Structure formats: C-alpha cells, structure tokens
C-alpha atoms as a PDB file:
ATOM      1  CA  UNK A   1      19.045 -26.650 -53.050  1.00  0.00           C
ATOM      2  CA  UNK A   2      18.002 -22.978 -53.914  1.00  0.00           C
ATOM      3  CA  UNK A   3      15.207 -21.292 -51.262  1.00  0.00           C
ATOM      4  CA  UNK A   4      14.707 -24.897 -49.430  1.00  0.00           C
ATOM      5  CA  UNK A   5      13.382 -23.379 -46.434  1.00  0.00           C
ATOM      6  CA  UNK A   6      14.983 -24.980 -42.807  1.00  0.00           C
ATOM      7  CA  UNK A   7      13.837 -24.534 -39.092  1.00  0.00           C
ATOM      8  CA  UNK A   8      15.683 -24.897 -36.089  1.00  0.00           C
ATOM      9  CA  UNK A   9      14.228 -25.568 -32.332  1.00  0.00           C
ATOM     10  CA  UNK A  10      16.876 -25.497 -29.322  1.00  0.00           C
ATOM     11  CA  UNK A  11      15.646 -27.428 -26.085  1.00  0.00           C
ATOM     12  CA  UNK A  12      17.929 -26.311 -23.111  1.00  0.00           C
ATOM     13  CA  UNK A  13      17.929 -29.534 -20.218  1.00  0.00           C
ATOM     14  CA  UNK A  14      18.469 -27.845 -16.695  1.00  0.00           C
ATOM     15  CA  UNK A  15      21.729 -28.708 -14.863  1.00  0.00           C
ATOM     16  CA  UNK A  16      22.068 -31.945 -13.094  1.00  0.00           C
ATOM     17  CA  UNK A  17      24.436 -32.582  -9.539  1.00  0.00           C
ATOM     18  CA  UNK A  18      28.524 -34.441 -10.895  1.00  0.00           C
ATOM     19  CA  UNK A  19      29.362 -36.918  -8.281  1.00  0.00           C
ATOM     20  CA  UNK A  20      32.736 -35.093  -8.224  1.00  0.00           C
ATOM     21  CA  UNK A  21      33.961 -35.474  -3.454  1.00  0.00           C
ATOM     22  CA  UNK A  22      36.362 -32.950  -3.868  1.00  0.00           C
ATOM     23  CA  UNK A  23      34.756 -29.198  -3.311  1.00  0.00           C
ATOM     24  CA  UNK A  24      35.834 -26.092  -3.593  1.00  0.00           C
ATOM     25  CA  UNK A  25      35.374 -23.958  -0.238  1.00  0.00           C
ATOM     26  CA  UNK A  26      32.018 -22.635   0.295  1.00  0.00           C
ATOM     27  CA  UNK A  27      30.554 -24.715  -2.437  1.00  0.00           C
ATOM     28  CA  UNK A  28      27.651 -27.228  -1.111  1.00  0.00           C
ATOM     29  CA  UNK A  29      27.874 -29.147  -4.860  1.00  0.00           C
ATOM     30  CA  UNK A  30      29.125 -29.210  -8.100  1.00  0.00           C
ATOM     31  CA  UNK A  31      26.636 -29.061 -11.104  1.00  0.00           C
ATOM     32  CA  UNK A  32      27.334 -29.742 -14.629  1.00  0.00           C
ATOM     33  CA  UNK A  33      26.320 -26.631 -17.351  1.00  0.00           C
ATOM     34  CA  UNK A  34      23.012 -26.911 -18.954  1.00  0.00           C
ATOM     35  CA  UNK A  35      23.096 -29.013 -22.208  1.00  0.00           C
ATOM     36  CA  UNK A  36      21.374 -27.383 -25.366  1.00  0.00           C
ATOM     37  CA  UNK A  37      20.608 -29.741 -27.912  1.00  0.00           C
ATOM     38  CA  UNK A  38      19.440 -28.307 -31.743  1.00  0.00           C
ATOM     39  CA  UNK A  39      16.526 -30.011 -34.209  1.00  0.00           C
ATOM     40  CA  UNK A  40      17.331 -28.460 -37.672  1.00  0.00           C
ATOM     41  CA  UNK A  41      14.650 -29.607 -40.314  1.00  0.00           C
ATOM     42  CA  UNK A  42      13.992 -29.290 -43.586  1.00  0.00           C
ATOM     43  CA  UNK A  43      10.528 -30.325 -46.004  1.00  0.00           C
ATOM     44  CA  UNK A  44      11.629 -34.127 -45.600  1.00  0.00           C
ATOM     45  CA  UNK A  45      14.851 -34.441 -43.591  1.00  0.00           C
ATOM     46  CA  UNK A  46      15.984 -33.767 -39.689  1.00  0.00           C
ATOM     47  CA  UNK A  47      18.852 -33.387 -37.830  1.00  0.00           C
ATOM     48  CA  UNK A  48      19.581 -33.817 -34.101  1.00  0.00           C
ATOM     49  CA  UNK A  49      22.805 -31.360 -32.971  1.00  0.00           C
ATOM     50  CA  UNK A  50      24.270 -32.489 -29.327  1.00  0.00           C
ATOM     51  CA  UNK A  51      22.111 -35.586 -28.124  1.00  0.00           C
ATOM     52  CA  UNK A  52      22.274 -34.829 -24.587  1.00  0.00           C
ATOM     53  CA  UNK A  53      23.953 -36.941 -21.564  1.00  0.00           C
ATOM     54  CA  UNK A  54      21.204 -38.868 -19.419  1.00  0.00           C
ATOM     55  CA  UNK A  55      18.201 -41.042 -20.417  1.00  0.00           C
ATOM     56  CA  UNK A  56      15.871 -39.161 -18.202  1.00  0.00           C
ATOM     57  CA  UNK A  57      17.491 -35.784 -20.231  1.00  0.00           C
ATOM     58  CA  UNK A  58      17.062 -37.258 -23.670  1.00  0.00           C
ATOM     59  CA  UNK A  59      12.993 -38.581 -22.403  1.00  0.00           C
ATOM     60  CA  UNK A  60      12.301 -34.657 -21.994  1.00  0.00           C
ATOM     61  CA  UNK A  61      14.037 -33.530 -24.843  1.00  0.00           C
ATOM     62  CA  UNK A  62      11.559 -36.402 -27.043  1.00  0.00           C
ATOM     63  CA  UNK A  63       8.367 -34.955 -25.339  1.00  0.00           C
END
C-alpha cells in the first residue's frame, strides 16, 4: 500500500535470574539478558515481534 503509515513501540523486559548451579568465580548470580518485544502497527493490523519468555513478562507487556 503506497503511503501506508506504520508505527512501532518497543518494550524492554528487565533481566531475570537463571537457575544455573555452576557459576564463574566472583559471580554471585547469572542473569538472562534483557529481552525486547516490538509491536508494529498499521491502520487496521498489528504484529508483535519476539514475545517474551515468562507469564510475568507477558503481563507487563500487556499493561
């Protein structure tokens, strides 16, 4: 569609701890990297790219 307008919004979920027992020296806890979810929207449709990993992250995204 020529001239169609798209908008986008990025949500960054904070890091969450991992459950890995083996830790490198001087590292008290391993964390996942922050994850982003991007909403790309047009006039009538939208696409969510890279939904998050946990229900808590999804709830925050929905808010």
